[in-house]
Amino acid sequence: MVRRPDERLDVSANNYSSDRPHTYHVPAHGSTTHSVDPLQHGPGWYDLSVGLAGDASWSRRYVGHLENGEHSITG
């Protein structure tokens, strides 16, 4: 696949959050940061998907729990 000079990454919450999807334009060899606070919307869980615009074959899903020493429930 030939990469364009500017890739568009789409980040969206699947569960545990009502955050709107975010789009990032990242230059070739560049980077970006997406921050979430899993304790703000629930008991520490996060579930995010990242997709690459124009390439449906590439995606990543990040699911986990932020430990804070408190009792919590499972996802």
PDB file of N, CA and C in Angstrom:
ATOM      1  N   MET A   1       0.842  -1.180   0.000  1.00  0.00           N
ATOM      2  CA  MET A   1       0.000   0.000   0.000  1.00  0.00           C
ATOM      3  C   MET A   1       0.887   1.243   0.000  1.00  0.00           C
ATOM      4  N   VAL A   2       0.582   2.181  -0.830  1.00  0.00           N
ATOM      5  CA  VAL A   2       1.311   3.448  -0.876  1.00  0.00           C
ATOM      6  C   VAL A   2       0.639   4.408   0.092  1.00  0.00           C
ATOM      7  N   ARG A   3       1.412   4.940   1.003  1.00  0.00           N
ATOM      8  CA  ARG A   3       0.875   5.862   2.010  1.00  0.00           C
ATOM      9  C   ARG A   3       0.853   7.284   1.465  1.00  0.00           C
ATOM     10  N   ARG A   4      -0.228   7.971   1.787  1.00  0.00           N
ATOM     11  CA  ARG A   4      -0.327   9.385   1.450  1.00  0.00           C
ATOM     12  C   ARG A   4       0.516  10.175   2.441  1.00  0.00           C
ATOM     13  N   PRO A   5       0.897  11.395   2.118  1.00  0.00           N
ATOM     14  CA  PRO A   5       1.713  12.184   3.041  1.00  0.00           C
ATOM     15  C   PRO A   5       1.006  12.502   4.359  1.00  0.00           C
ATOM     16  N   ASP A   6      -0.312  12.459   4.373  1.00  0.00           N
ATOM     17  CA  ASP A   6      -1.073  12.779   5.576  1.00  0.00           C
ATOM     18  C   ASP A   6      -2.126  11.701   5.773  1.00  0.00           C
ATOM     19  N   GLU A   7      -2.024  10.916   6.838  1.00  0.00           N
ATOM     20  CA  GLU A   7      -2.996   9.861   7.124  1.00  0.00           C
ATOM     21  C   GLU A   7      -4.033  10.384   8.105  1.00  0.00           C
ATOM     22  N   ARG A   8      -5.251   9.882   7.942  1.00  0.00           N
ATOM     23  CA  ARG A   8      -6.324  10.263   8.851  1.00  0.00           C
ATOM     24  C   ARG A   8      -6.665   9.072   9.733  1.00  0.00           C
ATOM     25  N   LEU A   9      -6.532   9.255  11.037  1.00  0.00           N
ATOM     26  CA  LEU A   9      -6.892   8.237  12.016  1.00  0.00           C
ATOM     27  C   LEU A   9      -8.210   8.617  12.664  1.00  0.00           C
ATOM     28  N   ASP A  10      -9.118   7.657  12.718  1.00  0.00           N
ATOM     29  CA  ASP A  10     -10.408   7.865  13.369  1.00  0.00           C
ATOM     30  C   ASP A  10     -10.437   7.050  14.650  1.00  0.00           C
ATOM     31  N   VAL A  11     -10.683   7.706  15.787  1.00  0.00           N
ATOM     32  CA  VAL A  11     -10.729   7.064  17.096  1.00  0.00           C
ATOM     33  C   VAL A  11     -12.149   7.186  17.630  1.00  0.00           C
ATOM     34  N   SER A  12     -12.735   6.050  18.020  1.00  0.00           N
ATOM     35  CA  SER A  12     -14.094   6.095  18.556  1.00  0.00           C
ATOM     36  C   SER A  12     -14.226   5.175  19.768  1.00  0.00           C
ATOM     37  N   ALA A  13     -15.091   5.579  20.683  1.00  0.00           N
ATOM     38  CA  ALA A  13     -15.375   4.792  21.886  1.00  0.00           C
ATOM     39  C   ALA A  13     -16.425   3.746  21.541  1.00  0.00           C
ATOM     40  N   ASN A  14     -16.194   2.512  21.967  1.00  0.00           N
ATOM     41  CA  ASN A  14     -17.161   1.439  21.733  1.00  0.00           C
ATOM     42  C   ASN A  14     -18.105   1.260  22.916  1.00  0.00           C
ATOM     43  N   ASN A  15     -17.568   1.274  24.110  1.00  0.00           N
ATOM     44  CA  ASN A  15     -18.346   1.077  25.338  1.00  0.00           C
ATOM     45  C   ASN A  15     -17.758   1.960  26.439  1.00  0.00           C
ATOM     46  N   TYR A  16     -18.500   2.090  27.514  1.00  0.00           N
ATOM     47  CA  TYR A  16     -18.049   2.765  28.737  1.00  0.00           C
ATOM     48  C   TYR A  16     -17.921   4.284  28.606  1.00  0.00           C
ATOM     49  N   SER A  17     -18.163   4.848  27.451  1.00  0.00           N
ATOM     50  CA  SER A  17     -18.014   6.289  27.270  1.00  0.00           C
ATOM     51  C   SER A  17     -18.964   6.757  26.178  1.00  0.00           C
ATOM     52  N   SER A  18     -19.401   7.984  26.290  1.00  0.00           N
ATOM     53  CA  SER A  18     -20.243   8.576  25.249  1.00  0.00           C
ATOM     54  C   SER A  18     -19.469   9.631  24.466  1.00  0.00           C
ATOM     55  N   ASP A  19     -18.140   9.584  24.547  1.00  0.00           N
ATOM     56  CA  ASP A  19     -17.318  10.542  23.810  1.00  0.00           C
ATOM     57  C   ASP A  19     -17.590  10.443  22.315  1.00  0.00           C
ATOM     58  N   ARG A  20     -17.594  11.599  21.665  1.00  0.00           N
ATOM     59  CA  ARG A  20     -17.744  11.637  20.210  1.00  0.00           C
ATOM     60  C   ARG A  20     -16.492  11.081  19.554  1.00  0.00           C
ATOM     61  N   PRO A  21     -16.619  10.567  18.332  1.00  0.00           N
ATOM     62  CA  PRO A  21     -15.423  10.129  17.603  1.00  0.00           C
ATOM     63  C   PRO A  21     -14.480  11.311  17.347  1.00  0.00           C
ATOM     64  N   HIS A  22     -13.192  11.033  17.314  1.00  0.00           N
ATOM     65  CA  HIS A  22     -12.173  12.046  17.038  1.00  0.00           C
ATOM     66  C   HIS A  22     -11.415  11.659  15.778  1.00  0.00           C
ATOM     67  N   THR A  23     -11.043  12.652  14.998  1.00  0.00           N
ATOM     68  CA  THR A  23     -10.240  12.434  13.798  1.00  0.00           C
ATOM     69  C   THR A  23      -8.929  13.182  13.942  1.00  0.00           C
ATOM     70  N   TYR A  24      -7.837  12.505  13.616  1.00  0.00           N
ATOM     71  CA  TYR A  24      -6.506  13.100  13.689  1.00  0.00           C
ATOM     72  C   TYR A  24      -5.846  12.987  12.321  1.00  0.00           C
ATOM     73  N   HIS A  25      -5.260  14.073  11.868  1.00  0.00           N
ATOM     74  CA  HIS A  25      -4.473  14.073  10.638  1.00  0.00           C
ATOM     75  C   HIS A  25      -3.013  13.992  11.059  1.00  0.00           C
ATOM     76  N   VAL A  26      -2.361  12.902  10.667  1.00  0.00           N
ATOM     77  CA  VAL A  26      -1.000  12.632  11.109  1.00  0.00           C
ATOM     78  C   VAL A  26      -0.078  12.618   9.900  1.00  0.00           C
ATOM     79  N   PRO A  27       0.975  13.439   9.895  1.00  0.00           N
ATOM     80  CA  PRO A  27       1.905  13.445   8.768  1.00  0.00           C
ATOM     81  C   PRO A  27       2.710  12.142   8.726  1.00  0.00           C
ATOM     82  N   ALA A  28       3.245  11.822   7.575  1.00  0.00           N
ATOM     83  CA  ALA A  28       4.081  10.634   7.425  1.00  0.00           C
ATOM     84  C   ALA A  28       5.187  10.645   8.475  1.00  0.00           C
ATOM     85  N   HIS A  29       5.416   9.512   9.105  1.00  0.00           N
ATOM     86  CA  HIS A  29       6.421   9.346  10.161  1.00  0.00           C
ATOM     87  C   HIS A  29       6.108  10.187  11.400  1.00  0.00           C
ATOM     88  N   GLY A  30       4.893  10.705  11.496  1.00  0.00           N
ATOM     89  CA  GLY A  30       4.508  11.525  12.640  1.00  0.00           C
ATOM     90  C   GLY A  30       3.804  10.701  13.697  1.00  0.00           C
ATOM     91  N   SER A  31       3.317  11.367  14.699  1.00  0.00           N
ATOM     92  CA  SER A  31       2.581  10.701  15.768  1.00  0.00           C
ATOM     93  C   SER A  31       1.536  11.659  16.323  1.00  0.00           C
ATOM     94  N   THR A  32       0.621  11.092  17.095  1.00  0.00           N
ATOM     95  CA  THR A  32      -0.384  11.884  17.779  1.00  0.00           C
ATOM     96  C   THR A  32      -0.723  11.187  19.083  1.00  0.00           C
ATOM     97  N   THR A  33      -1.421  11.867  19.956  1.00  0.00           N
ATOM     98  CA  THR A  33      -1.817  11.308  21.238  1.00  0.00           C
ATOM     99  C   THR A  33      -3.313  11.499  21.424  1.00  0.00           C
ATOM    100  N   HIS A  34      -3.974  10.449  21.864  1.00  0.00           N
ATOM    101  CA  HIS A  34      -5.397  10.513  22.202  1.00  0.00           C
ATOM    102  C   HIS A  34      -5.510  10.133  23.672  1.00  0.00           C
ATOM    103  N   SER A  35      -6.087  10.995  24.476  1.00  0.00           N
ATOM    104  CA  SER A  35      -6.192  10.743  25.914  1.00  0.00           C
ATOM    105  C   SER A  35      -7.631  10.477  26.316  1.00  0.00           C
ATOM    106  N   VAL A  36      -7.805   9.530  27.215  1.00  0.00           N
ATOM    107  CA  VAL A  36      -9.120   9.250  27.793  1.00  0.00           C
ATOM    108  C   VAL A  36      -8.954   9.140  29.303  1.00  0.00           C
ATOM    109  N   ASP A  37     -10.030   9.381  30.028  1.00  0.00           N
ATOM    110  CA  ASP A  37     -10.034   9.226  31.479  1.00  0.00           C
ATOM    111  C   ASP A  37     -11.100   8.204  31.834  1.00  0.00           C
ATOM    112  N   PRO A  38     -10.725   6.913  31.951  1.00  0.00           N
ATOM    113  CA  PRO A  38     -11.726   5.887  32.212  1.00  0.00           C
ATOM    114  C   PRO A  38     -12.419   6.016  33.563  1.00  0.00           C
ATOM    115  N   LEU A  39     -11.848   6.775  34.473  1.00  0.00           N
ATOM    116  CA  LEU A  39     -12.485   6.958  35.774  1.00  0.00           C
ATOM    117  C   LEU A  39     -13.552   8.042  35.738  1.00  0.00           C
ATOM    118  N   GLN A  40     -13.542   8.862  34.708  1.00  0.00           N
ATOM    119  CA  GLN A  40     -14.513   9.956  34.594  1.00  0.00           C
ATOM    120  C   GLN A  40     -15.910   9.427  34.258  1.00  0.00           C
ATOM    121  N   HIS A  41     -16.010   8.403  33.414  1.00  0.00           N
ATOM    122  CA  HIS A  41     -17.307   7.934  32.922  1.00  0.00           C
ATOM    123  C   HIS A  41     -17.763   6.618  33.525  1.00  0.00           C
ATOM    124  N   GLY A  42     -16.940   5.980  34.299  1.00  0.00           N
ATOM    125  CA  GLY A  42     -17.355   4.690  34.832  1.00  0.00           C
ATOM    126  C   GLY A  42     -16.294   4.121  35.752  1.00  0.00           C
ATOM    127  N   PRO A  43     -16.394   2.837  35.991  1.00  0.00           N
ATOM    128  CA  PRO A  43     -15.515   2.208  36.967  1.00  0.00           C
ATOM    129  C   PRO A  43     -14.133   1.839  36.417  1.00  0.00           C
ATOM    130  N   GLY A  44     -13.552   2.671  35.581  1.00  0.00           N
ATOM    131  CA  GLY A  44     -12.181   2.472  35.136  1.00  0.00           C
ATOM    132  C   GLY A  44     -11.978   1.724  33.838  1.00  0.00           C
ATOM    133  N   TRP A  45     -13.052   1.346  33.162  1.00  0.00           N
ATOM    134  CA  TRP A  45     -12.921   0.585  31.919  1.00  0.00           C
ATOM    135  C   TRP A  45     -12.836   1.506  30.718  1.00  0.00           C
ATOM    136  N   TYR A  46     -12.097   1.078  29.690  1.00  0.00           N
ATOM    137  CA  TYR A  46     -12.047   1.796  28.413  1.00  0.00           C
ATOM    138  C   TYR A  46     -12.128   0.791  27.278  1.00  0.00           C
ATOM    139  N   ASP A  47     -12.661   1.235  26.137  1.00  0.00           N
ATOM    140  CA  ASP A  47     -12.830   0.400  24.948  1.00  0.00           C
ATOM    141  C   ASP A  47     -12.841   1.339  23.737  1.00  0.00           C
ATOM    142  N   LEU A  48     -11.730   1.392  23.024  1.00  0.00           N
ATOM    143  CA  LEU A  48     -11.567   2.301  21.895  1.00  0.00           C
ATOM    144  C   LEU A  48     -11.204   1.545  20.629  1.00  0.00           C
ATOM    145  N   SER A  49     -11.667   2.047  19.497  1.00  0.00           N
ATOM    146  CA  SER A  49     -11.258   1.529  18.190  1.00  0.00           C
ATOM    147  C   SER A  49     -10.554   2.636  17.425  1.00  0.00           C
ATOM    148  N   VAL A  50      -9.495   2.256  16.719  1.00  0.00           N
ATOM    149  CA  VAL A  50      -8.749   3.182  15.874  1.00  0.00           C
ATOM    150  C   VAL A  50      -8.768   2.618  14.464  1.00  0.00           C
ATOM    151  N   GLY A  51      -9.156   3.443  13.506  1.00  0.00           N
ATOM    152  CA  GLY A  51      -9.192   3.035  12.112  1.00  0.00           C
ATOM    153  C   GLY A  51      -8.406   3.996  11.244  1.00  0.00           C
ATOM    154  N   LEU A  52      -7.931   3.486  10.130  1.00  0.00           N
ATOM    155  CA  LEU A  52      -7.175   4.285   9.171  1.00  0.00           C
ATOM    156  C   LEU A  52      -8.068   4.570   7.985  1.00  0.00           C
ATOM    157  N   ALA A  53      -8.379   5.832   7.756  1.00  0.00           N
ATOM    158  CA  ALA A  53      -9.255   6.212   6.652  1.00  0.00           C
ATOM    159  C   ALA A  53      -8.655   5.755   5.328  1.00  0.00           C
ATOM    160  N   GLY A  54      -9.472   5.147   4.495  1.00  0.00           N
ATOM    161  CA  GLY A  54      -9.015   4.698   3.189  1.00  0.00           C
ATOM    162  C   GLY A  54      -8.389   3.318   3.189  1.00  0.00           C
ATOM    163  N   ASP A  55      -8.301   2.665   4.344  1.00  0.00           N
ATOM    164  CA  ASP A  55      -7.725   1.323   4.422  1.00  0.00           C
ATOM    165  C   ASP A  55      -8.518   0.507   5.439  1.00  0.00           C
ATOM    166  N   ALA A  56      -9.592  -0.096   4.978  1.00  0.00           N
ATOM    167  CA  ALA A  56     -10.472  -0.860   5.865  1.00  0.00           C
ATOM    168  C   ALA A  56      -9.796  -2.112   6.423  1.00  0.00           C
ATOM    169  N   SER A  57      -8.641  -2.493   5.880  1.00  0.00           N
ATOM    170  CA  SER A  57      -7.954  -3.691   6.372  1.00  0.00           C
ATOM    171  C   SER A  57      -7.136  -3.420   7.636  1.00  0.00           C
ATOM    172  N   TRP A  58      -6.992  -2.148   8.032  1.00  0.00           N
ATOM    173  CA  TRP A  58      -6.191  -1.817   9.211  1.00  0.00           C
ATOM    174  C   TRP A  58      -7.084  -1.216  10.284  1.00  0.00           C
ATOM    175  N   SER A  59      -7.048  -1.799  11.470  1.00  0.00           N
ATOM    176  CA  SER A  59      -7.735  -1.229  12.637  1.00  0.00           C
ATOM    177  C   SER A  59      -7.106  -1.827  13.885  1.00  0.00           C
ATOM    178  N   ARG A  60      -7.298  -1.137  15.004  1.00  0.00           N
ATOM    179  CA  ARG A  60      -6.833  -1.612  16.297  1.00  0.00           C
ATOM    180  C   ARG A  60      -7.932  -1.342  17.314  1.00  0.00           C
ATOM    181  N   ARG A  61      -8.038  -2.237  18.289  1.00  0.00           N
ATOM    182  CA  ARG A  61      -9.006  -2.047  19.364  1.00  0.00           C
ATOM    183  C   ARG A  61      -8.253  -2.142  20.682  1.00  0.00           C
ATOM    184  N   TYR A  62      -8.502  -1.192  21.563  1.00  0.00           N
ATOM    185  CA  TYR A  62      -7.844  -1.118  22.867  1.00  0.00           C
ATOM    186  C   TYR A  62      -8.916  -1.208  23.945  1.00  0.00           C
ATOM    187  N   VAL A  63      -8.853  -2.264  24.755  1.00  0.00           N
ATOM    188  CA  VAL A  63      -9.830  -2.499  25.806  1.00  0.00           C
ATOM    189  C   VAL A  63      -9.061  -2.814  27.084  1.00  0.00           C
ATOM    190  N   GLY A  64      -9.480  -2.216  28.179  1.00  0.00           N
ATOM    191  CA  GLY A  64      -8.795  -2.516  29.425  1.00  0.00           C
ATOM    192  C   GLY A  64      -9.423  -1.828  30.611  1.00  0.00           C
ATOM    193  N   HIS A  65      -8.721  -1.932  31.721  1.00  0.00           N
ATOM    194  CA  HIS A  65      -9.206  -1.380  32.975  1.00  0.00           C
ATOM    195  C   HIS A  65      -8.064  -0.652  33.666  1.00  0.00           C
ATOM    196  N   LEU A  66      -8.328   0.546  34.123  1.00  0.00           N
ATOM    197  CA  LEU A  66      -7.356   1.342  34.875  1.00  0.00           C
ATOM    198  C   LEU A  66      -7.554   1.057  36.359  1.00  0.00           C
ATOM    199  N   GLU A  67      -6.550   0.446  36.965  1.00  0.00           N
ATOM    200  CA  GLU A  67      -6.638   0.123  38.385  1.00  0.00           C
ATOM    201  C   GLU A  67      -6.373   1.377  39.229  1.00  0.00           C
ATOM    202  N   ASN A  68      -7.193   1.539  40.256  1.00  0.00           N
ATOM    203  CA  ASN A  68      -7.010   2.695  41.147  1.00  0.00           C
ATOM    204  C   ASN A  68      -7.015   2.294  42.625  1.00  0.00           C
ATOM    205  N   GLY A  69      -6.961   0.983  42.902  1.00  0.00           N
ATOM    206  CA  GLY A  69      -6.940   0.521  44.276  1.00  0.00           C
ATOM    207  C   GLY A  69      -8.307   0.363  44.906  1.00  0.00           C
ATOM    208  N   GLU A  70      -9.355   0.802  44.227  1.00  0.00           N
ATOM    209  CA  GLU A  70     -10.728   0.689  44.736  1.00  0.00           C
ATOM    210  C   GLU A  70     -11.354  -0.614  44.243  1.00  0.00           C
ATOM    211  N   HIS A  71     -12.407  -1.067  44.943  1.00  0.00           N
ATOM    212  CA  HIS A  71     -13.180  -2.197  44.445  1.00  0.00           C
ATOM    213  C   HIS A  71     -13.854  -1.784  43.152  1.00  0.00           C
ATOM    214  N   SER A  72     -13.968  -2.715  42.222  1.00  0.00           N
ATOM    215  CA  SER A  72     -14.649  -2.395  40.964  1.00  0.00           C
ATOM    216  C   SER A  72     -15.372  -3.640  40.470  1.00  0.00           C
ATOM    217  N   ILE A  73     -16.091  -3.482  39.402  1.00  0.00           N
ATOM    218  CA  ILE A  73     -16.812  -4.605  38.801  1.00  0.00           C
ATOM    219  C   ILE A  73     -16.132  -4.988  37.503  1.00  0.00           C
ATOM    220  N   THR A  74     -16.405  -6.205  37.040  1.00  0.00           N
ATOM    221  CA  THR A  74     -15.819  -6.632  35.770  1.00  0.00           C
ATOM    222  C   THR A  74     -16.589  -6.024  34.615  1.00  0.00           C
ATOM    223  N   GLY A  75     -15.943  -5.999  33.459  1.00  0.00           N
ATOM    224  CA  GLY A  75     -16.563  -5.447  32.260  1.00  0.00           C
ATOM    225  C   GLY A  75     -17.525  -6.349  31.708  1.00  0.00           C
TER     226      GLY A  75
END
